Amino acid sequence: MADLLPHSHALTFCGVLSESRRIINAHSRHFLALSVFFLLPLSFSLIIYPTLHSALCRPDSISFYASRFLQSDPPRTRPDPDGDSPVFFILPLVYALFGFLVHLFAVTAISYSTFHGFYGRPVKLVSSFKSLLFSFLPMISTFLVSKLVLFSIAFLFSLLWLSALKGLELAGIEVDYDSNYFYAVAIVSAALVGAVMLWLQVTWVLAPVTVVVESRWGFGPLMRSANLVKGMKGVALSLLLFFNLAIWFLVGSCATILLHVGVARGSWGWAVILQVVISAGLATVLMLQGIAATVVLFMYCKAFHGELPFEIAEEFAGDYVSLPFDEKKLPYVVYVT
């Protein structure tokens, strides 16, 4: 029975990473299959898409980048890209839809498996895929609600900014849009909006897990996440920044190199291909670890607020004999320090 219970950890950044790594290692083949199905294609597409987009929509840019890298003369004439071409508009939309759906499926399936792995339950691919059917629409609704809130906040800040400028003009105060003061105010305002957006992302970091685990949708997961993450925002912020910055740095650097030397030949071509494969693999591992860590953070937040012991007791109630003097005692598995 002790092997079925989650290991105890302090509710820290390292503790969350350690527990998520333990769950992944305990079901390595299962999570490998999910990564191959969802995360690996997403990683490859993030790296390859800039080059693919340039090759189809701006073929002149590929030749220009390659000529600069190979130190050869660029073509004398580079025709302007056809901005009216259907590919110019359709390709980004198709890729955005592909990336959104694949990421949504990955978060849903991996969150479902990690949640059951946390309790030591067996995890199966069939069950993980079935969770996509039950959580797809709730995930979509929660995503739309969150984006609507973010858009409303951005629109409100923009409206206030424009109203302030218009008020200064009506008051007879001339605004120099090229002055350093205007740039400073604009940068501070943008930083303020960015801070608000980041705070909301930290507050809602547990919303996808709530949709999968507790079958909530719409505003429900957002409010639930905001309540659970109280007292744990430092850990949530650390996880959010660590994985997002690491993934985007890895993907962005590799995509930039691939874009510049996409038409290189010989040993450079093989070197670029090898770097793409390695970068996509590392990005896949980081994505998997990040999703699993978010689920573990969800469980630790429940423990922090005193909810997890009741679930542990219900989970293993059938394996114990109820004694009269033990009715008010519950086993604590995760300790808050």
Protein backbone atom coordinates (compact mmCIF):
# COMPACT_ATOMS: atom_id res chain seq x y z
CA MET A 1 0.00 0.00 0.00
CA ALA A 2 2.87 2.37 0.70
CA ASP A 3 3.97 1.98 -2.92
CA LEU A 4 0.57 3.20 -4.13
CA LEU A 5 0.80 6.49 -2.28
CA PRO A 6 2.58 9.52 -3.76
CA HIS A 7 5.97 10.37 -2.33
CA SER A 8 6.05 13.27 0.13
CA HIS A 9 7.78 16.48 -0.98
CA ALA A 10 7.98 20.04 0.21
CA LEU A 11 5.77 22.33 -1.85
CA THR A 12 8.60 23.95 -3.76
CA PHE A 13 9.71 24.38 -7.36
CA CYS A 14 12.22 21.52 -7.06
CA GLY A 15 9.68 19.34 -5.27
CA VAL A 16 7.16 19.76 -8.09
CA LEU A 17 9.78 18.94 -10.72
CA SER A 18 10.97 15.90 -8.77
CA GLU A 19 7.47 14.49 -8.35
CA SER A 20 6.53 15.07 -11.98
CA ARG A 21 9.75 13.37 -13.09
CA ARG A 22 8.97 10.42 -10.83
CA ILE A 23 5.53 9.99 -12.39
CA ILE A 24 6.92 10.20 -15.92
CA ASN A 25 9.66 7.67 -15.18
CA ALA A 26 7.16 5.29 -13.59
CA HIS A 27 5.12 5.25 -16.83
CA SER A 28 7.87 6.05 -19.31
CA ARG A 29 6.46 4.08 -22.25
CA HIS A 30 3.02 5.59 -21.83
CA PHE A 31 4.28 9.17 -21.77
CA LEU A 32 6.69 8.42 -24.61
CA ALA A 33 3.76 7.32 -26.76
CA LEU A 34 1.78 10.46 -25.90
CA SER A 35 4.81 12.61 -26.67
CA VAL A 36 5.27 10.97 -30.07
CA PHE A 37 1.59 11.41 -30.87
CA PHE A 38 1.29 15.07 -29.87
CA LEU A 39 4.36 16.90 -28.60
CA LEU A 40 6.98 15.76 -31.11
CA PRO A 41 4.96 16.90 -34.17
CA LEU A 42 4.26 20.19 -32.40
CA SER A 43 7.96 20.72 -31.66
CA PHE A 44 9.00 19.95 -35.24
CA SER A 45 6.33 22.26 -36.63
CA LEU A 46 7.39 25.15 -34.39
CA ILE A 47 10.95 24.85 -35.68
CA ILE A 48 10.16 24.23 -39.34
CA TYR A 49 7.21 26.59 -39.83
CA PRO A 50 9.18 29.88 -40.23
CA THR A 51 11.28 28.35 -43.02
CA LEU A 52 8.25 26.72 -44.64
CA HIS A 53 6.32 29.99 -44.52
CA SER A 54 9.22 31.91 -46.06
CA ALA A 55 9.74 29.28 -48.76
CA LEU A 56 6.09 29.31 -49.84
CA CYS A 57 5.17 32.95 -49.25
CA ARG A 58 8.54 34.74 -49.53
CA PRO A 59 10.89 32.56 -51.61
CA ASP A 60 13.18 35.55 -52.19
CA SER A 61 13.98 35.73 -48.46
CA ILE A 62 15.32 32.15 -48.42
CA SER A 63 17.79 32.95 -51.18
CA PHE A 64 18.75 36.17 -49.41
CA TYR A 65 19.41 34.46 -46.05
CA ALA A 66 21.31 31.61 -47.67
CA SER A 67 23.49 33.97 -49.72
CA ARG A 68 24.42 35.90 -46.58
CA PHE A 69 25.29 32.75 -44.63
CA LEU A 70 27.26 31.21 -47.51
CA GLN A 71 28.89 34.61 -48.20
CA SER A 72 27.86 34.56 -51.83
CA ASP A 73 26.38 37.35 -53.88
CA PRO A 74 22.65 37.76 -53.32
CA PRO A 75 20.41 37.80 -56.34
CA ARG A 76 20.34 41.17 -58.05
CA THR A 77 16.59 41.26 -58.25
CA ARG A 78 14.30 39.98 -55.56
CA PRO A 79 10.70 40.32 -56.61
CA ASP A 80 8.27 41.48 -53.98
CA PRO A 81 6.16 38.70 -52.49
CA ASP A 82 2.64 38.42 -53.73
CA GLY A 83 0.67 39.61 -50.73
CA ASP A 84 -2.58 38.68 -52.45
CA SER A 85 -1.66 35.01 -52.79
CA PRO A 86 -4.09 32.70 -50.95
CA VAL A 87 -1.14 30.80 -49.46
CA PHE A 88 0.00 33.99 -47.73
CA PHE A 89 -3.20 34.04 -45.65
CA ILE A 90 -4.28 30.40 -45.55
CA LEU A 91 -1.00 28.86 -44.37
CA PRO A 92 -0.78 30.83 -41.08
CA LEU A 93 -4.43 30.07 -40.31
CA VAL A 94 -4.03 26.36 -41.00
CA TYR A 95 -0.86 26.18 -38.93
CA ALA A 96 -2.41 28.14 -36.05
CA LEU A 97 -5.38 25.75 -36.00
CA PHE A 98 -3.05 22.74 -36.15
CA GLY A 99 -0.84 24.02 -33.33
CA PHE A 100 -3.81 24.93 -31.15
CA LEU A 101 -5.53 21.55 -31.52
CA VAL A 102 -2.37 19.49 -31.07
CA HIS A 103 -1.40 21.47 -27.97
CA LEU A 104 -4.92 21.14 -26.57
CA PHE A 105 -4.90 17.36 -27.14
CA ALA A 106 -1.45 17.06 -25.56
CA VAL A 107 -2.41 19.02 -22.45
CA THR A 108 -5.63 17.04 -22.04
CA ALA A 109 -4.17 13.55 -22.49
CA ILE A 110 -0.98 14.14 -20.49
CA SER A 111 -2.85 15.89 -17.67
CA TYR A 112 -5.27 12.97 -17.44
CA SER A 113 -2.43 10.43 -17.29
CA THR A 114 -0.35 12.43 -14.82
CA PHE A 115 -3.33 12.84 -12.49
CA HIS A 116 -3.90 9.08 -12.37
CA GLY A 117 -0.17 8.42 -12.13
CA PHE A 118 0.00 10.69 -9.08
CA TYR A 119 -2.31 8.29 -7.24
CA GLY A 120 -0.41 5.25 -8.50
CA ARG A 121 -3.25 4.11 -10.72
CA PRO A 122 -2.52 2.27 -13.97
CA VAL A 123 -2.49 4.54 -17.02
CA LYS A 124 -3.62 3.39 -20.45
CA LEU A 125 -3.47 5.03 -23.85
CA VAL A 126 -7.10 4.21 -24.56
CA SER A 127 -8.24 6.02 -21.42
CA SER A 128 -6.03 9.01 -22.22
CA PHE A 129 -7.49 9.26 -25.72
CA LYS A 130 -11.02 8.92 -24.36
CA SER A 131 -10.39 11.90 -22.11
CA LEU A 132 -10.05 14.00 -25.27
CA LEU A 133 -13.70 13.39 -26.10
CA PHE A 134 -14.95 14.47 -22.68
CA SER A 135 -12.64 17.47 -22.24
CA PHE A 136 -12.50 18.92 -25.77
CA LEU A 137 -15.50 21.26 -25.60
CA PRO A 138 -14.85 22.33 -21.96
CA MET A 139 -11.24 23.14 -22.89
CA ILE A 140 -12.39 25.16 -25.89
CA SER A 141 -14.92 27.12 -23.82
CA THR A 142 -12.38 27.83 -21.08
CA PHE A 143 -9.81 28.95 -23.65
CA LEU A 144 -12.29 31.31 -25.31
CA VAL A 145 -13.37 32.79 -21.98
CA SER A 146 -9.77 33.39 -20.89
CA LYS A 147 -8.86 35.04 -24.20
CA LEU A 148 -11.99 37.17 -24.02
CA VAL A 149 -10.94 38.44 -20.59
CA LEU A 150 -7.39 39.15 -21.79
CA PHE A 151 -8.68 40.93 -24.89
CA SER A 152 -11.06 43.01 -22.79
CA ILE A 153 -8.24 44.10 -20.49
CA ALA A 154 -5.98 44.99 -23.43
CA PHE A 155 -8.82 46.88 -25.09
CA LEU A 156 -9.54 48.77 -21.87
CA PHE A 157 -5.90 49.81 -21.47
CA SER A 158 -5.77 50.91 -25.12
CA LEU A 159 -8.97 52.90 -24.70
CA LEU A 160 -7.62 54.63 -21.59
CA TRP A 161 -4.36 55.41 -23.40
CA LEU A 162 -6.13 56.91 -26.40
CA SER A 163 -8.52 58.82 -24.15
CA ALA A 164 -5.59 60.32 -22.24
CA LEU A 165 -3.92 61.46 -25.47
CA LYS A 166 -7.17 62.90 -26.76
CA GLY A 167 -7.74 64.69 -23.46
CA LEU A 168 -4.30 66.31 -23.67
CA GLU A 169 -5.02 67.49 -27.19
CA LEU A 170 -8.37 68.97 -26.14
CA ALA A 171 -6.64 70.74 -23.25
CA GLY A 172 -4.32 72.42 -25.72
CA ILE A 173 -1.23 70.43 -24.71
CA GLU A 174 0.86 69.38 -27.69
CA VAL A 175 2.10 65.80 -27.52
CA ASP A 176 5.47 65.14 -29.13
CA TYR A 177 5.26 61.55 -30.30
CA ASP A 178 8.98 61.50 -31.11
CA SER A 179 10.17 62.62 -27.68
CA ASN A 180 11.93 60.37 -25.21
CA TYR A 181 9.28 61.14 -22.58
CA PHE A 182 6.54 59.78 -24.81
CA TYR A 183 8.58 56.63 -25.46
CA ALA A 184 9.21 56.22 -21.73
CA VAL A 185 5.51 56.54 -20.88
CA ALA A 186 4.62 54.11 -23.67
CA ILE A 187 7.17 51.57 -22.43
CA VAL A 188 5.95 51.87 -18.83
CA SER A 189 2.35 51.45 -19.97
CA ALA A 190 3.23 48.40 -22.05
CA ALA A 191 5.16 46.92 -19.11
CA LEU A 192 2.14 47.49 -16.87
CA VAL A 193 -0.15 45.69 -19.32
CA GLY A 194 2.40 42.88 -19.62
CA ALA A 195 2.59 42.55 -15.83
CA VAL A 196 -1.19 42.28 -15.60
CA MET A 197 -1.25 39.64 -18.35
CA LEU A 198 1.52 37.67 -16.63
CA TRP A 199 -0.30 37.84 -13.31
CA LEU A 200 -3.44 36.45 -14.94
CA GLN A 201 -1.45 33.66 -16.60
CA VAL A 202 -0.02 32.69 -13.22
CA THR A 203 -3.46 32.89 -11.62
CA TRP A 204 -5.00 30.69 -14.34
CA VAL A 205 -2.10 28.25 -14.69
CA LEU A 206 -4.16 25.41 -13.17
CA ALA A 207 -7.26 26.01 -15.31
CA PRO A 208 -6.52 23.30 -17.95
CA VAL A 209 -5.91 20.71 -15.24
CA THR A 210 -9.14 21.72 -13.53
CA VAL A 211 -11.05 21.16 -16.78
CA VAL A 212 -9.65 17.64 -17.17
CA VAL A 213 -9.72 16.52 -13.54
CA GLU A 214 -12.84 18.22 -12.18
CA SER A 215 -14.92 18.49 -15.39
CA ARG A 216 -15.41 22.25 -15.11
CA TRP A 217 -15.72 24.66 -18.01
CA GLY A 218 -16.00 28.36 -18.85
CA PHE A 219 -15.29 30.70 -15.94
CA GLY A 220 -15.33 27.79 -13.48
CA PRO A 221 -11.76 26.55 -14.10
CA LEU A 222 -10.43 30.11 -14.03
CA MET A 223 -12.00 30.85 -10.65
CA ARG A 224 -11.00 27.45 -9.30
CA SER A 225 -7.39 27.98 -10.39
CA ALA A 226 -7.34 31.45 -8.84
CA ASN A 227 -8.44 30.00 -5.50
CA LEU A 228 -6.06 27.04 -5.55
CA VAL A 229 -2.96 28.96 -6.55
CA LYS A 230 -3.20 31.33 -3.57
CA GLY A 231 -0.10 30.92 -1.46
CA MET A 232 1.66 29.03 -4.28
CA LYS A 233 2.04 31.79 -6.86
CA GLY A 234 5.79 31.86 -6.43
CA VAL A 235 6.08 28.22 -7.46
CA ALA A 236 3.56 28.72 -10.26
CA LEU A 237 5.47 31.73 -11.61
CA SER A 238 8.76 29.81 -11.47
CA LEU A 239 7.30 26.89 -13.42
CA LEU A 240 5.66 29.17 -15.98
CA LEU A 241 8.78 31.22 -16.65
CA PHE A 242 11.21 28.30 -16.58
CA PHE A 243 9.46 26.09 -19.11
CA ASN A 244 8.18 28.83 -21.41
CA LEU A 245 11.52 30.62 -21.63
CA ALA A 246 13.47 27.39 -22.07
CA ILE A 247 11.15 26.07 -24.80
CA TRP A 248 10.91 29.31 -26.73
CA PHE A 249 14.66 29.95 -26.54
CA LEU A 250 15.40 26.44 -27.79
CA VAL A 251 12.79 26.52 -30.56
CA GLY A 252 13.46 30.12 -31.54
CA SER A 253 17.22 29.72 -31.85
CA CYS A 254 16.92 26.55 -33.91
CA ALA A 255 14.20 28.03 -36.14
CA THR A 256 16.36 31.10 -36.78
CA ILE A 257 19.35 29.00 -37.77
CA LEU A 258 17.20 26.81 -40.00
CA LEU A 259 15.71 29.89 -41.68
CA HIS A 260 19.13 31.33 -42.45
CA VAL A 261 20.74 28.14 -43.78
CA GLY A 262 17.68 26.31 -45.05
CA VAL A 263 19.14 25.87 -48.52
CA ALA A 264 22.69 25.05 -47.45
CA ARG A 265 24.24 21.91 -48.88
CA GLY A 266 26.84 19.36 -47.87
CA SER A 267 27.99 19.07 -44.27
CA TRP A 268 26.11 22.19 -43.24
CA GLY A 269 22.87 20.60 -44.37
CA TRP A 270 23.44 17.51 -42.22
CA ALA A 271 24.48 19.67 -39.27
CA VAL A 272 21.27 21.68 -39.51
CA ILE A 273 19.13 18.55 -39.76
CA LEU A 274 20.85 17.07 -36.71
CA GLN A 275 20.30 20.27 -34.76
CA VAL A 276 16.61 20.29 -35.71
CA VAL A 277 16.18 16.70 -34.50
CA ILE A 278 18.00 17.35 -31.22
CA SER A 279 16.18 20.63 -30.57
CA ALA A 280 12.78 19.09 -31.33
CA GLY A 281 13.55 16.20 -28.97
CA LEU A 282 14.61 18.51 -26.15
CA ALA A 283 11.58 20.75 -26.70
CA THR A 284 9.35 17.67 -26.51
CA VAL A 285 10.89 16.65 -23.19
CA LEU A 286 10.45 20.16 -21.80
CA MET A 287 6.82 20.32 -22.91
CA LEU A 288 6.08 16.93 -21.35
CA GLN A 289 7.79 17.89 -18.11
CA GLY A 290 5.99 21.23 -18.04
CA ILE A 291 2.51 19.74 -18.45
CA ALA A 292 3.18 17.05 -15.85
CA ALA A 293 4.61 19.63 -13.44
CA THR A 294 1.44 21.71 -13.77
CA VAL A 295 -0.67 18.70 -12.76
CA VAL A 296 1.59 18.03 -9.78
CA LEU A 297 1.33 21.69 -8.82
CA PHE A 298 -2.45 21.32 -8.96
CA MET A 299 -2.29 18.41 -6.51
CA TYR A 300 0.14 20.22 -4.22
CA CYS A 301 -2.08 23.30 -4.18
CA LYS A 302 -4.97 21.10 -3.10
CA ALA A 303 -2.75 19.71 -0.35
CA PHE A 304 -1.77 23.24 0.65
CA HIS A 305 -5.46 24.10 1.10
CA GLY A 306 -6.24 20.86 2.92
CA GLU A 307 -8.22 19.14 0.14
CA LEU A 308 -5.86 16.32 -0.84
CA PRO A 309 -6.08 14.23 2.38
CA PHE A 310 -9.81 13.76 1.87
CA GLU A 311 -9.26 12.53 -1.69
CA ILE A 312 -6.53 10.16 -0.52
CA ALA A 313 -8.87 8.76 2.10
CA GLU A 314 -11.63 8.24 -0.47
CA GLU A 315 -9.20 6.71 -2.96
CA PHE A 316 -8.02 3.99 -0.59
CA ALA A 317 -11.05 3.72 1.68
CA GLY A 318 -11.80 0.20 0.47
CA ASP A 319 -8.37 -1.01 1.55
CA TYR A 320 -8.81 -0.12 5.21
CA VAL A 321 -11.04 -1.27 8.08
CA SER A 322 -12.96 1.62 9.63
CA LEU A 323 -12.45 1.76 13.40
CA PRO A 324 -14.66 3.88 15.68
CA PHE A 325 -11.79 5.80 17.24
CA ASP A 326 -10.29 6.56 13.78
CA GLU A 327 -13.35 8.19 12.23
CA LYS A 328 -11.91 11.70 12.39
CA LYS A 329 -8.38 10.76 11.37
CA LEU A 330 -7.23 11.05 7.77
CA PRO A 331 -3.88 10.02 6.29
CA TYR A 332 -1.73 12.94 5.19
CA VAL A 333 0.55 12.04 2.31
CA VAL A 334 1.85 15.42 1.10
CA TYR A 335 3.29 17.60 3.83
CA VAL A 336 3.20 21.41 3.80
CA THR A 337 6.39 23.00 5.08
